[in-house]
Every structure is written in structure tokens, then in C-alpha cells.
Amino acid sequence: ACQAMASVSEQHTRAILGAVQRVGEQKRDREGALARMRACLEEYEALGATLTALPERVERPAMVPLGKLALFPGTLRHTNEVTVLLGENLFALRSASQAVGIAERRAEFVAAQVQSLEEEVRELGSELEKLGAMHTLGLDRGSEGGGGGGGDDDDNYGG
């Protein structure tokens, strides 16, 4: 009976450790996705600020790229006109104020995804804590001499 209990205990420990590993991987994946979504949200917020400031002047000085290595001074003209990506290779010419609205709506969508991912990460963290507690309880029971009185209960229920 003690060997059977030890075998069940080992299987239980392996199952918990496997679950801890899987949940840990899921949590790391979700944390990576959360970091990417937060960066995307920051980019949309910066884009909105830039699009708001651009049309304030007719021309704006800028460093214009010439290839990958060179920049030269130039000016931006028609700063109230923005080409916006609407979907898969579908672009539209919009005013800066319209583009700000589009950027704000996209930022709201990303913010909702960030909140959802934060909730998932919290839930996975609490699940990891529960699994850790289960593992610790299993180790404590195993160190009490093969489960103590638990073996007798199993024998009574077994027949």
C-alpha cells in the first residue's frame, strides 16, 4: 500500500509540475503579448500627438532620408494630408484631423486588448500560485511518512 501511495504521490507531483510549466509558459506568452500591445498603444498615442501638431504650420523643416545611411535637410509640405492604412494594402488619403480620429479609435481598441491581457496575466499568476501551493502541500504530505493516515482511508474506500 505504501508503494502504491508513493507512486500516486509521484504521479501527482509530476502532474502538478507539468501544469506549473504549462501555465508558466502561457503566462510568459501573455506577458510578451501585453508588452507588445502596450508599445503599440504608446505608438498610437504618440501618432495622435504628432498628427495634431502637424497641420499647425504650412511647411515644416525635416531631415529627409536618402537611402539607408544618408539624411539631408528638407521641408514637409501638405502636412494636413495623411495616407492612412485602412486594411490589407488599402490606403486612403485623409486629413490630419480625420487621421487623429482613426488613431484614437485604434488606440481605444488596443487599450481594450491591453486590459484583457492584464486580466489574463493576473489569472494565470493566481493559477500558478494555487499550483505552487498544491505542490507544496503534496511535498509536505509526502514528507510525513508516506501520507500518514491517508492510506488507511484509501483502503476503507477501496473495498
C-alpha atoms as a PDB file:
ATOM      1  CA  ALA A   1       0.000   0.000   0.000  1.00  0.00           C
ATOM      2  CA  CYS A   2       2.914   2.361   0.756  1.00  0.00           C
ATOM      3  CA  GLN A   3       4.453   1.776  -2.685  1.00  0.00           C
ATOM      4  CA  ALA A   4       1.115   2.462  -4.342  1.00  0.00           C
ATOM      5  CA  MET A   5       0.757   5.689  -2.344  1.00  0.00           C
ATOM      6  CA  ALA A   6       4.310   6.721  -3.251  1.00  0.00           C
ATOM      7  CA  SER A   7       3.580   6.027  -6.921  1.00  0.00           C
ATOM      8  CA  VAL A   8       0.364   8.047  -6.800  1.00  0.00           C
ATOM      9  CA  SER A   9       2.208  10.833  -4.975  1.00  0.00           C
ATOM     10  CA  GLU A  10       4.949  10.869  -7.630  1.00  0.00           C
ATOM     11  CA  GLN A  11       2.373  10.946 -10.414  1.00  0.00           C
ATOM     12  CA  HIS A  12       0.526  13.753  -8.644  1.00  0.00           C
ATOM     13  CA  THR A  13       3.774  15.715  -8.228  1.00  0.00           C
ATOM     14  CA  ARG A  14       4.707  15.204 -11.899  1.00  0.00           C
ATOM     15  CA  ALA A  15       1.236  16.302 -12.998  1.00  0.00           C
ATOM     16  CA  ILE A  16       1.417  19.440 -10.871  1.00  0.00           C
ATOM     17  CA  LEU A  17       4.921  20.267 -12.095  1.00  0.00           C
ATOM     18  CA  GLY A  18       3.765  19.781 -15.700  1.00  0.00           C
ATOM     19  CA  ALA A  19       0.805  22.077 -15.079  1.00  0.00           C
ATOM     20  CA  VAL A  20       3.100  24.657 -13.465  1.00  0.00           C
ATOM     21  CA  GLN A  21       5.347  24.542 -16.527  1.00  0.00           C
ATOM     22  CA  ARG A  22       2.426  24.893 -18.979  1.00  0.00           C
ATOM     23  CA  VAL A  23       0.797  27.726 -17.052  1.00  0.00           C
ATOM     24  CA  GLY A  24       4.184  29.428 -16.675  1.00  0.00           C
ATOM     25  CA  GLU A  25       4.736  29.277 -20.442  1.00  0.00           C
ATOM     26  CA  GLN A  26       1.234  30.625 -21.072  1.00  0.00           C
ATOM     27  CA  LYS A  27       1.862  33.450 -18.614  1.00  0.00           C
ATOM     28  CA  ARG A  28       5.185  34.354 -20.285  1.00  0.00           C
ATOM     29  CA  ASP A  29       3.493  34.332 -23.706  1.00  0.00           C
ATOM     30  CA  ARG A  30       0.690  36.581 -22.450  1.00  0.00           C
ATOM     31  CA  GLU A  31       3.221  38.922 -20.783  1.00  0.00           C
ATOM     32  CA  GLY A  32       5.087  39.195 -24.100  1.00  0.00           C
ATOM     33  CA  ALA A  33       1.856  39.960 -25.942  1.00  0.00           C
ATOM     34  CA  LEU A  34       0.977  42.501 -23.244  1.00  0.00           C
ATOM     35  CA  ALA A  35       4.329  44.257 -23.662  1.00  0.00           C
ATOM     36  CA  ARG A  36       3.810  44.413 -27.444  1.00  0.00           C
ATOM     37  CA  MET A  37       0.279  45.787 -27.032  1.00  0.00           C
ATOM     38  CA  ARG A  38       1.458  48.423 -24.547  1.00  0.00           C
ATOM     39  CA  ALA A  39       4.164  49.516 -27.006  1.00  0.00           C
ATOM     40  CA  CYS A  40       1.549  49.665 -29.782  1.00  0.00           C
ATOM     41  CA  LEU A  41      -0.710  51.786 -27.569  1.00  0.00           C
ATOM     42  CA  GLU A  42       2.161  54.195 -26.857  1.00  0.00           C
ATOM     43  CA  GLU A  43       2.857  54.453 -30.600  1.00  0.00           C
ATOM     44  CA  TYR A  44      -0.787  55.298 -31.351  1.00  0.00           C
ATOM     45  CA  GLU A  45      -0.784  57.939 -28.609  1.00  0.00           C
ATOM     46  CA  ALA A  46       2.430  59.472 -29.997  1.00  0.00           C
ATOM     47  CA  LEU A  47       0.963  59.342 -33.515  1.00  0.00           C
ATOM     48  CA  GLY A  48      -2.140  61.199 -32.328  1.00  0.00           C
ATOM     49  CA  ALA A  49       0.021  63.919 -30.768  1.00  0.00           C
ATOM     50  CA  THR A  50       2.110  64.244 -33.944  1.00  0.00           C
ATOM     51  CA  LEU A  51      -0.950  64.363 -36.200  1.00  0.00           C
ATOM     52  CA  THR A  52      -2.479  67.053 -34.011  1.00  0.00           C
ATOM     53  CA  ALA A  53       0.668  69.220 -34.190  1.00  0.00           C
ATOM     54  CA  LEU A  54       1.500  68.721 -37.902  1.00  0.00           C
ATOM     55  CA  PRO A  55      -1.150  70.915 -39.567  1.00  0.00           C
ATOM     56  CA  GLU A  56      -0.394  73.902 -37.342  1.00  0.00           C
ATOM     57  CA  ARG A  57       2.122  75.159 -39.925  1.00  0.00           C
ATOM     58  CA  VAL A  58       2.076  75.127 -43.733  1.00  0.00           C
ATOM     59  CA  GLU A  59       5.675  73.917 -44.025  1.00  0.00           C
ATOM     60  CA  ARG A  60       7.775  72.097 -41.502  1.00  0.00           C
ATOM     61  CA  PRO A  61      11.556  71.506 -41.561  1.00  0.00           C
ATOM     62  CA  ALA A  62      12.602  67.842 -41.512  1.00  0.00           C
ATOM     63  CA  MET A  63      15.566  65.577 -42.103  1.00  0.00           C
ATOM     64  CA  VAL A  64      14.690  63.583 -45.235  1.00  0.00           C
ATOM     65  CA  PRO A  65      16.194  60.078 -45.609  1.00  0.00           C
ATOM     66  CA  LEU A  66      18.189  59.380 -48.754  1.00  0.00           C
ATOM     67  CA  GLY A  67      18.712  55.625 -48.770  1.00  0.00           C
ATOM     68  CA  LYS A  68      19.530  53.814 -45.552  1.00  0.00           C
ATOM     69  CA  LEU A  69      22.564  55.815 -44.484  1.00  0.00           C
ATOM     70  CA  ALA A  70      22.090  59.434 -45.518  1.00  0.00           C
ATOM     71  CA  LEU A  71      19.796  62.255 -44.378  1.00  0.00           C
ATOM     72  CA  PHE A  72      19.522  65.740 -45.808  1.00  0.00           C
ATOM     73  CA  PRO A  73      17.545  68.806 -44.706  1.00  0.00           C
ATOM     74  CA  GLY A  74      14.205  69.368 -46.379  1.00  0.00           C
ATOM     75  CA  THR A  75      10.682  70.555 -45.708  1.00  0.00           C
ATOM     76  CA  LEU A  76       7.359  68.813 -45.261  1.00  0.00           C
ATOM     77  CA  ARG A  77       4.520  70.311 -47.266  1.00  0.00           C
ATOM     78  CA  HIS A  78       0.819  69.452 -47.331  1.00  0.00           C
ATOM     79  CA  THR A  79       1.051  68.421 -43.690  1.00  0.00           C
ATOM     80  CA  ASN A  80      -2.732  68.260 -43.397  1.00  0.00           C
ATOM     81  CA  GLU A  81      -2.838  65.311 -45.835  1.00  0.00           C
ATOM     82  CA  VAL A  82      -2.156  61.864 -44.436  1.00  0.00           C
ATOM     83  CA  THR A  83      -2.275  58.487 -46.153  1.00  0.00           C
ATOM     84  CA  VAL A  84      -3.943  56.028 -43.772  1.00  0.00           C
ATOM     85  CA  LEU A  85      -3.791  52.237 -43.929  1.00  0.00           C
ATOM     86  CA  LEU A  86      -7.396  51.024 -43.845  1.00  0.00           C
ATOM     87  CA  GLY A  87      -6.789  47.307 -44.271  1.00  0.00           C
ATOM     88  CA  GLU A  88      -4.734  44.876 -46.282  1.00  0.00           C
ATOM     89  CA  ASN A  89      -2.922  47.114 -48.785  1.00  0.00           C
ATOM     90  CA  LEU A  90      -5.878  49.508 -48.817  1.00  0.00           C
ATOM     91  CA  PHE A  91      -4.903  53.139 -48.226  1.00  0.00           C
ATOM     92  CA  ALA A  92      -6.926  56.346 -48.179  1.00  0.00           C
ATOM     93  CA  LEU A  93      -5.948  59.999 -48.207  1.00  0.00           C
ATOM     94  CA  ARG A  94      -7.368  61.669 -45.080  1.00  0.00           C
ATOM     95  CA  SER A  95      -6.996  64.999 -43.355  1.00  0.00           C
ATOM     96  CA  ALA A  96      -4.857  65.111 -40.226  1.00  0.00           C
ATOM     97  CA  SER A  97      -7.944  65.567 -38.023  1.00  0.00           C
ATOM     98  CA  GLN A  98      -9.609  62.518 -39.600  1.00  0.00           C
ATOM     99  CA  ALA A  99      -6.372  60.561 -39.113  1.00  0.00           C
ATOM    100  CA  VAL A 100      -6.303  61.614 -35.446  1.00  0.00           C
ATOM    101  CA  GLY A 101      -9.800  60.150 -35.052  1.00  0.00           C
ATOM    102  CA  ILE A 102      -8.708  56.905 -36.690  1.00  0.00           C
ATOM    103  CA  ALA A 103      -5.620  56.718 -34.457  1.00  0.00           C
ATOM    104  CA  GLU A 104      -7.761  57.364 -31.356  1.00  0.00           C
ATOM    105  CA  ARG A 105     -10.207  54.584 -32.278  1.00  0.00           C
ATOM    106  CA  ARG A 106      -7.341  52.184 -32.886  1.00  0.00           C
ATOM    107  CA  ALA A 107      -5.767  53.219 -29.567  1.00  0.00           C
ATOM    108  CA  GLU A 108      -9.086  52.506 -27.787  1.00  0.00           C
ATOM    109  CA  PHE A 109      -9.184  49.056 -29.394  1.00  0.00           C
ATOM    110  CA  VAL A 110      -5.595  48.342 -28.327  1.00  0.00           C
ATOM    111  CA  ALA A 111      -6.318  49.655 -24.805  1.00  0.00           C
ATOM    112  CA  ALA A 112      -9.177  47.155 -24.502  1.00  0.00           C
ATOM    113  CA  GLN A 113      -6.802  44.383 -25.586  1.00  0.00           C
ATOM    114  CA  VAL A 114      -4.250  45.565 -23.010  1.00  0.00           C
ATOM    115  CA  GLN A 115      -6.890  45.355 -20.257  1.00  0.00           C
ATOM    116  CA  SER A 116      -7.891  41.879 -21.393  1.00  0.00           C
ATOM    117  CA  LEU A 117      -4.275  40.696 -21.438  1.00  0.00           C
ATOM    118  CA  GLU A 118      -3.632  42.208 -17.999  1.00  0.00           C
ATOM    119  CA  GLU A 119      -6.600  40.224 -16.650  1.00  0.00           C
ATOM    120  CA  GLU A 120      -5.309  37.024 -18.302  1.00  0.00           C
ATOM    121  CA  VAL A 121      -1.854  37.555 -16.781  1.00  0.00           C
ATOM    122  CA  ARG A 122      -3.403  38.120 -13.320  1.00  0.00           C
ATOM    123  CA  GLU A 123      -5.498  34.950 -13.659  1.00  0.00           C
ATOM    124  CA  LEU A 124      -2.503  32.899 -14.807  1.00  0.00           C
ATOM    125  CA  GLY A 125      -0.466  34.296 -11.900  1.00  0.00           C
ATOM    126  CA  SER A 126      -3.110  33.248  -9.375  1.00  0.00           C
ATOM    127  CA  GLU A 127      -3.335  29.837 -11.032  1.00  0.00           C
ATOM    128  CA  LEU A 128       0.446  29.474 -10.688  1.00  0.00           C
ATOM    129  CA  GLU A 129       0.174  30.385  -7.001  1.00  0.00           C
ATOM    130  CA  LYS A 130      -2.534  27.745  -6.488  1.00  0.00           C
ATOM    131  CA  LEU A 131      -0.484  25.107  -8.285  1.00  0.00           C
ATOM    132  CA  GLY A 132       2.558  26.053  -6.216  1.00  0.00           C
ATOM    133  CA  ALA A 133       0.526  25.690  -3.032  1.00  0.00           C
ATOM    134  CA  MET A 134      -0.776  22.301  -4.209  1.00  0.00           C
ATOM    135  CA  HIS A 135       2.761  21.181  -4.946  1.00  0.00           C
ATOM    136  CA  THR A 136       3.968  22.383  -1.535  1.00  0.00           C
ATOM    137  CA  LEU A 137       1.078  20.574   0.192  1.00  0.00           C
ATOM    138  CA  GLY A 138       1.899  17.409  -1.731  1.00  0.00           C
ATOM    139  CA  LEU A 139       5.545  17.598  -0.681  1.00  0.00           C
ATOM    140  CA  ASP A 140       4.569  18.232   2.947  1.00  0.00           C
ATOM    141  CA  ARG A 141       2.269  15.211   2.958  1.00  0.00           C
ATOM    142  CA  GLY A 142       4.923  13.076   1.325  1.00  0.00           C
ATOM    143  CA  SER A 143       7.464  14.023   3.983  1.00  0.00           C
ATOM    144  CA  GLU A 144       5.115  12.927   6.787  1.00  0.00           C
ATOM    145  CA  GLY A 145       5.929   9.279   6.244  1.00  0.00           C
ATOM    146  CA  GLY A 146       4.031   8.132   3.183  1.00  0.00           C
ATOM    147  CA  GLY A 147       0.817  10.036   3.773  1.00  0.00           C
ATOM    148  CA  GLY A 148       0.133   9.089   7.408  1.00  0.00           C
ATOM    149  CA  GLY A 149      -3.476   8.031   7.947  1.00  0.00           C
ATOM    150  CA  GLY A 150      -4.419   8.734   4.333  1.00  0.00           C
ATOM    151  CA  GLY A 151      -3.503   5.196   3.307  1.00  0.00           C
ATOM    152  CA  ASP A 152      -6.000   3.716   5.767  1.00  0.00           C
ATOM    153  CA  ASP A 153      -8.796   5.875   4.383  1.00  0.00           C
ATOM    154  CA  ASP A 154      -7.989   4.784   0.846  1.00  0.00           C
ATOM    155  CA  ASP A 155      -8.091   1.127   1.946  1.00  0.00           C
ATOM    156  CA  ASN A 156     -11.513   1.628   3.569  1.00  0.00           C
ATOM    157  CA  TYR A 157     -12.963   3.249   0.452  1.00  0.00           C
ATOM    158  CA  GLY A 158     -11.374   0.703  -1.838  1.00  0.00           C
ATOM    159  CA  GLY A 159     -13.399  -2.181  -0.585  1.00  0.00           C
END
